[in-house]
């Protein structure tokens, strides 16, 4: 349960804990906007995608050090049989919070709306 599929997940640190009938996932995504995040559930896997475009004026600046990275980041978890119609997600202050309700067998694909 909650097997982490991605080996290099340095860009999406998370905490996962269980409450009575749900799993609660908190993922740090500082610097992203809500519209740059996507969550999907497909055959027992919960996938979080975050995309950040690069600075187009990079050649105009005389950088001394550049540590901020850009691109598409993906984190995928095996959550098993959950009720995908009751997955809720919120994004606030750089933290994506996902509540996954436990349920018997339900393996359809769904994109989760982030509020």
N, C-alpha and C. Protein backbone atom coordinates (compact mmCIF):
# COMPACT_ATOMS: atom_id res chain seq x y z
N UNK A 1 0.85 -1.18 0.00
CA UNK A 1 0.00 0.00 0.00
C UNK A 1 0.89 1.24 0.00
N UNK A 2 0.52 2.23 -0.76
CA UNK A 2 1.25 3.48 -0.92
C UNK A 2 2.70 3.26 -1.32
N UNK A 3 2.90 2.23 -2.13
CA UNK A 3 4.22 1.99 -2.68
C UNK A 3 4.57 3.18 -3.56
N UNK A 4 5.76 3.72 -3.38
CA UNK A 4 6.20 4.86 -4.16
C UNK A 4 6.84 4.34 -5.44
N UNK A 5 6.25 4.65 -6.58
CA UNK A 5 6.71 4.14 -7.85
C UNK A 5 7.92 4.90 -8.36
N UNK A 6 8.04 6.17 -8.04
CA UNK A 6 9.11 7.01 -8.56
C UNK A 6 10.31 6.97 -7.64
N UNK A 7 11.48 6.64 -8.20
CA UNK A 7 12.68 6.55 -7.38
C UNK A 7 13.20 7.93 -6.98
N UNK A 8 13.24 8.87 -7.93
CA UNK A 8 13.78 10.20 -7.65
C UNK A 8 12.63 11.15 -7.36
N UNK A 9 12.23 11.24 -6.10
CA UNK A 9 11.07 12.05 -5.74
C UNK A 9 11.46 13.25 -4.90
N UNK A 10 12.65 13.78 -5.14
CA UNK A 10 13.13 14.91 -4.34
C UNK A 10 12.28 16.16 -4.48
N UNK A 11 11.45 16.23 -5.51
CA UNK A 11 10.68 17.44 -5.75
C UNK A 11 9.28 17.40 -5.16
N UNK A 12 8.87 16.26 -4.66
CA UNK A 12 7.54 16.13 -4.08
C UNK A 12 7.63 15.36 -2.77
N UNK A 13 8.05 16.02 -1.73
CA UNK A 13 8.10 15.39 -0.42
C UNK A 13 6.69 15.29 0.13
N UNK A 14 6.39 14.16 0.77
CA UNK A 14 5.01 13.98 1.23
C UNK A 14 4.95 13.28 2.58
N UNK A 15 3.82 13.45 3.23
CA UNK A 15 3.45 12.72 4.44
C UNK A 15 2.14 12.04 4.14
N UNK A 16 2.00 10.78 4.56
CA UNK A 16 0.77 10.02 4.36
C UNK A 16 0.38 9.41 5.69
N UNK A 17 -0.88 9.59 6.07
CA UNK A 17 -1.35 8.93 7.28
C UNK A 17 -2.77 8.45 7.07
N UNK A 18 -3.18 7.55 7.93
CA UNK A 18 -4.47 6.89 7.81
C UNK A 18 -5.39 7.34 8.93
N UNK A 19 -6.63 7.65 8.57
CA UNK A 19 -7.68 7.90 9.54
C UNK A 19 -8.71 6.80 9.33
N UNK A 20 -9.73 6.76 10.12
CA UNK A 20 -10.71 5.67 10.11
C UNK A 20 -11.01 5.11 8.73
N UNK A 21 -11.60 5.92 7.86
CA UNK A 21 -12.06 5.41 6.57
C UNK A 21 -11.33 6.05 5.40
N UNK A 22 -10.19 6.73 5.64
CA UNK A 22 -9.50 7.39 4.54
C UNK A 22 -8.00 7.47 4.76
N UNK A 23 -7.32 7.72 3.66
CA UNK A 23 -5.89 8.03 3.67
C UNK A 23 -5.76 9.52 3.43
N UNK A 24 -4.82 10.14 4.08
CA UNK A 24 -4.60 11.57 3.99
C UNK A 24 -3.17 11.78 3.48
N UNK A 25 -3.04 12.46 2.34
CA UNK A 25 -1.73 12.68 1.72
C UNK A 25 -1.47 14.18 1.66
N UNK A 26 -0.31 14.60 2.14
CA UNK A 26 0.11 16.00 2.06
C UNK A 26 1.41 16.05 1.29
N UNK A 27 1.43 16.81 0.19
CA UNK A 27 2.61 16.89 -0.67
C UNK A 27 3.07 18.34 -0.76
N UNK A 28 4.33 18.58 -0.47
CA UNK A 28 4.89 19.92 -0.60
C UNK A 28 5.18 20.22 -2.06
N UNK A 29 4.58 21.30 -2.56
CA UNK A 29 4.78 21.74 -3.94
C UNK A 29 4.93 23.26 -3.98
N UNK A 30 5.94 23.78 -3.29
CA UNK A 30 6.10 25.24 -3.26
C UNK A 30 6.46 25.77 -4.65
N UNK A 31 5.94 26.95 -4.95
CA UNK A 31 6.26 27.60 -6.21
C UNK A 31 5.36 27.21 -7.37
N UNK A 32 4.45 26.28 -7.16
CA UNK A 32 3.53 25.88 -8.22
C UNK A 32 2.20 26.60 -8.05
N UNK A 33 1.50 26.76 -9.16
CA UNK A 33 0.13 27.27 -9.12
C UNK A 33 -0.81 26.08 -9.29
N UNK A 34 -2.02 26.22 -8.78
CA UNK A 34 -3.00 25.14 -8.82
C UNK A 34 -3.23 24.65 -10.25
N UNK A 35 -3.27 25.56 -11.21
CA UNK A 35 -3.54 25.17 -12.59
C UNK A 35 -2.39 24.38 -13.23
N UNK A 36 -1.25 24.31 -12.55
CA UNK A 36 -0.12 23.52 -13.06
C UNK A 36 -0.05 22.13 -12.44
N UNK A 37 -1.07 21.77 -11.66
CA UNK A 37 -1.11 20.47 -11.00
C UNK A 37 -2.21 19.60 -11.59
N UNK A 38 -1.95 18.30 -11.69
CA UNK A 38 -2.93 17.34 -12.17
C UNK A 38 -2.87 16.10 -11.29
N UNK A 39 -4.03 15.57 -10.93
CA UNK A 39 -4.11 14.33 -10.16
C UNK A 39 -5.00 13.36 -10.92
N UNK A 40 -4.53 12.13 -11.07
CA UNK A 40 -5.33 11.10 -11.73
C UNK A 40 -5.34 9.84 -10.89
N UNK A 41 -6.45 9.11 -10.98
CA UNK A 41 -6.56 7.79 -10.37
C UNK A 41 -6.85 6.80 -11.48
N UNK A 42 -6.04 5.74 -11.57
CA UNK A 42 -6.20 4.76 -12.63
C UNK A 42 -5.75 3.40 -12.15
N UNK A 43 -6.68 2.45 -12.08
CA UNK A 43 -6.39 1.05 -11.72
C UNK A 43 -5.57 0.94 -10.43
N UNK A 44 -6.00 1.66 -9.41
CA UNK A 44 -5.35 1.55 -8.11
C UNK A 44 -4.16 2.46 -7.90
N UNK A 45 -3.79 3.25 -8.90
CA UNK A 45 -2.65 4.15 -8.81
C UNK A 45 -3.12 5.60 -8.76
N UNK A 46 -2.57 6.36 -7.85
CA UNK A 46 -2.82 7.79 -7.74
C UNK A 46 -1.57 8.49 -8.27
N UNK A 47 -1.74 9.32 -9.30
CA UNK A 47 -0.61 9.99 -9.94
C UNK A 47 -0.77 11.50 -9.77
N UNK A 48 0.30 12.15 -9.31
CA UNK A 48 0.32 13.60 -9.17
C UNK A 48 1.37 14.13 -10.14
N UNK A 49 0.95 15.07 -11.00
CA UNK A 49 1.84 15.71 -11.95
C UNK A 49 1.91 17.20 -11.64
N UNK A 50 3.10 17.76 -11.70
CA UNK A 50 3.29 19.19 -11.49
C UNK A 50 4.24 19.69 -12.58
N UNK A 51 3.87 20.77 -13.25
CA UNK A 51 4.73 21.29 -14.31
C UNK A 51 5.06 22.76 -14.05
N UNK A 52 6.32 23.08 -14.28
CA UNK A 52 6.79 24.45 -14.09
C UNK A 52 7.63 24.83 -15.29
N UNK A 53 7.25 25.89 -15.98
CA UNK A 53 7.99 26.33 -17.16
C UNK A 53 9.22 27.13 -16.75
N UNK A 54 10.24 27.04 -17.58
CA UNK A 54 11.50 27.73 -17.31
C UNK A 54 11.42 29.22 -17.56
N UNK A 55 12.40 29.90 -17.07
CA UNK A 55 12.52 31.34 -17.24
C UNK A 55 13.01 31.62 -18.66
N UNK A 56 12.21 32.33 -19.45
CA UNK A 56 12.57 32.58 -20.84
C UNK A 56 13.66 33.64 -20.97
N UNK A 57 13.91 34.39 -19.92
CA UNK A 57 14.95 35.44 -19.99
C UNK A 57 16.28 34.95 -19.42
N UNK A 58 16.49 33.64 -19.40
CA UNK A 58 17.69 33.08 -18.79
C UNK A 58 18.97 33.59 -19.45
N UNK A 59 18.96 33.82 -20.74
CA UNK A 59 20.16 34.29 -21.43
C UNK A 59 20.42 35.78 -21.20
N UNK A 60 19.43 36.49 -20.68
CA UNK A 60 19.57 37.92 -20.44
C UNK A 60 20.14 38.22 -19.06
N UNK A 61 20.23 37.21 -18.21
CA UNK A 61 20.68 37.44 -16.84
C UNK A 61 22.07 36.87 -16.62
N UNK A 62 22.83 37.53 -15.78
CA UNK A 62 24.17 37.08 -15.45
C UNK A 62 24.12 36.31 -14.13
N UNK A 63 23.71 35.03 -14.20
CA UNK A 63 23.54 34.22 -12.99
C UNK A 63 24.89 33.91 -12.34
N UNK A 64 24.92 34.01 -11.03
CA UNK A 64 26.06 33.56 -10.24
C UNK A 64 25.80 32.14 -9.77
N UNK A 65 24.56 31.88 -9.41
CA UNK A 65 24.14 30.54 -8.99
C UNK A 65 22.69 30.35 -9.41
N UNK A 66 22.36 29.15 -9.87
CA UNK A 66 20.99 28.86 -10.30
C UNK A 66 20.59 27.49 -9.78
N UNK A 67 19.70 27.46 -8.78
CA UNK A 67 19.28 26.21 -8.15
C UNK A 67 17.84 25.84 -8.44
N UNK A 68 17.01 26.79 -8.81
CA UNK A 68 15.61 26.49 -9.07
C UNK A 68 15.51 25.70 -10.37
N UNK A 69 14.73 24.64 -10.34
CA UNK A 69 14.60 23.79 -11.52
C UNK A 69 13.20 23.90 -12.11
N UNK A 70 13.11 23.53 -13.37
CA UNK A 70 11.87 23.61 -14.11
C UNK A 70 11.65 22.30 -14.84
N UNK A 71 10.40 22.02 -15.16
CA UNK A 71 10.09 20.81 -15.90
C UNK A 71 8.80 20.19 -15.40
N UNK A 72 8.62 18.91 -15.71
CA UNK A 72 7.44 18.17 -15.29
C UNK A 72 7.88 17.16 -14.24
N UNK A 73 7.18 17.16 -13.11
CA UNK A 73 7.49 16.26 -12.00
C UNK A 73 6.31 15.34 -11.79
N UNK A 74 6.62 14.10 -11.44
CA UNK A 74 5.57 13.10 -11.31
C UNK A 74 5.83 12.27 -10.06
N UNK A 75 4.75 12.03 -9.34
CA UNK A 75 4.80 11.14 -8.18
C UNK A 75 3.62 10.21 -8.28
N UNK A 76 3.86 8.92 -8.18
CA UNK A 76 2.81 7.93 -8.35
C UNK A 76 2.80 6.99 -7.16
N UNK A 77 1.60 6.75 -6.63
CA UNK A 77 1.43 5.87 -5.47
C UNK A 77 0.43 4.78 -5.80
N UNK A 78 0.71 3.58 -5.35
CA UNK A 78 -0.30 2.54 -5.44
C UNK A 78 -1.15 2.63 -4.18
N UNK A 79 -2.44 2.96 -4.34
CA UNK A 79 -3.34 3.11 -3.19
C UNK A 79 -4.34 1.97 -3.10
N UNK A 80 -4.39 1.13 -4.12
CA UNK A 80 -5.28 -0.02 -4.07
C UNK A 80 -6.72 0.35 -4.37
N UNK A 81 -7.61 -0.40 -3.76
CA UNK A 81 -9.04 -0.23 -4.00
C UNK A 81 -9.61 0.90 -3.16
N UNK A 82 -9.90 2.01 -3.82
CA UNK A 82 -10.49 3.15 -3.14
C UNK A 82 -11.67 3.65 -3.96
N UNK A 83 -12.50 4.45 -3.36
CA UNK A 83 -13.65 5.04 -4.04
C UNK A 83 -13.19 6.32 -4.74
N UNK A 84 -12.88 6.23 -6.04
CA UNK A 84 -12.32 7.38 -6.75
C UNK A 84 -13.28 8.55 -6.81
N UNK A 85 -14.58 8.30 -6.71
CA UNK A 85 -15.54 9.41 -6.77
C UNK A 85 -15.51 10.26 -5.50
N UNK A 86 -14.85 9.76 -4.47
CA UNK A 86 -14.78 10.50 -3.21
C UNK A 86 -13.36 10.97 -2.89
N UNK A 87 -12.47 11.00 -3.89
CA UNK A 87 -11.14 11.56 -3.69
C UNK A 87 -11.25 13.07 -3.76
N UNK A 88 -10.76 13.75 -2.74
CA UNK A 88 -10.80 15.21 -2.69
C UNK A 88 -9.39 15.77 -2.61
N UNK A 89 -9.18 16.91 -3.28
CA UNK A 89 -7.86 17.53 -3.27
C UNK A 89 -7.99 19.04 -3.09
N UNK A 90 -7.07 19.61 -2.29
CA UNK A 90 -7.01 21.05 -2.08
C UNK A 90 -5.55 21.46 -2.19
N UNK A 91 -5.31 22.67 -2.70
CA UNK A 91 -3.96 23.20 -2.79
C UNK A 91 -3.94 24.59 -2.17
N UNK A 92 -3.12 24.76 -1.15
CA UNK A 92 -3.04 26.04 -0.46
C UNK A 92 -1.65 26.21 0.13
N UNK A 93 -1.09 27.39 -0.06
CA UNK A 93 0.21 27.74 0.51
C UNK A 93 1.31 26.73 0.17
N UNK A 94 1.29 26.22 -1.06
CA UNK A 94 2.34 25.32 -1.51
C UNK A 94 2.20 23.89 -1.05
N UNK A 95 1.06 23.54 -0.46
CA UNK A 95 0.84 22.17 0.01
C UNK A 95 -0.42 21.62 -0.66
N UNK A 96 -0.26 20.47 -1.32
CA UNK A 96 -1.38 19.77 -1.93
C UNK A 96 -1.85 18.72 -0.94
N UNK A 97 -3.13 18.77 -0.58
CA UNK A 97 -3.71 17.83 0.38
C UNK A 97 -4.73 16.97 -0.37
N UNK A 98 -4.56 15.64 -0.29
CA UNK A 98 -5.45 14.72 -0.97
C UNK A 98 -6.03 13.76 0.06
N UNK A 99 -7.36 13.65 0.08
CA UNK A 99 -8.03 12.68 0.94
C UNK A 99 -8.58 11.57 0.06
N UNK A 100 -8.19 10.34 0.37
CA UNK A 100 -8.58 9.17 -0.41
C UNK A 100 -9.44 8.28 0.48
N UNK A 101 -10.71 8.13 0.12
CA UNK A 101 -11.64 7.32 0.90
C UNK A 101 -11.45 5.84 0.55
N UNK A 102 -11.33 5.01 1.56
CA UNK A 102 -11.20 3.57 1.35
C UNK A 102 -12.51 3.00 0.83
N UNK A 103 -12.42 2.02 -0.05
CA UNK A 103 -13.62 1.41 -0.62
C UNK A 103 -13.27 0.08 -1.25
N UNK A 104 -14.26 -0.77 -1.45
CA UNK A 104 -14.00 -2.01 -2.17
C UNK A 104 -13.65 -1.74 -3.63
N UNK A 105 -13.37 -2.77 -4.34
CA UNK A 105 -12.88 -2.75 -5.72
C UNK A 105 -13.53 -1.70 -6.60
N UNK A 106 -12.71 -0.75 -7.08
CA UNK A 106 -13.14 0.28 -8.01
C UNK A 106 -11.91 0.75 -8.76
N UNK A 107 -11.75 0.35 -10.00
CA UNK A 107 -10.50 0.60 -10.72
C UNK A 107 -10.66 1.44 -11.97
N UNK A 108 -11.64 2.28 -12.04
CA UNK A 108 -11.81 3.14 -13.19
C UNK A 108 -10.85 4.32 -13.11
N UNK A 109 -10.62 4.95 -14.25
CA UNK A 109 -9.74 6.12 -14.32
C UNK A 109 -10.55 7.39 -14.10
N UNK A 110 -9.96 8.35 -13.36
CA UNK A 110 -10.63 9.62 -13.13
C UNK A 110 -9.58 10.68 -12.89
N UNK A 111 -9.81 11.89 -13.41
CA UNK A 111 -8.98 13.04 -13.09
C UNK A 111 -9.62 13.75 -11.92
N UNK A 112 -8.82 14.08 -10.91
CA UNK A 112 -9.32 14.67 -9.67
C UNK A 112 -9.25 16.20 -9.77
N UNK A 113 -10.34 16.88 -9.46
CA UNK A 113 -10.37 18.33 -9.45
C UNK A 113 -9.67 18.84 -8.20
N UNK A 114 -8.80 19.83 -8.37
CA UNK A 114 -8.10 20.45 -7.25
C UNK A 114 -8.82 21.74 -6.91
N UNK A 115 -9.23 21.88 -5.66
CA UNK A 115 -9.99 23.06 -5.25
C UNK A 115 -9.10 24.09 -4.61
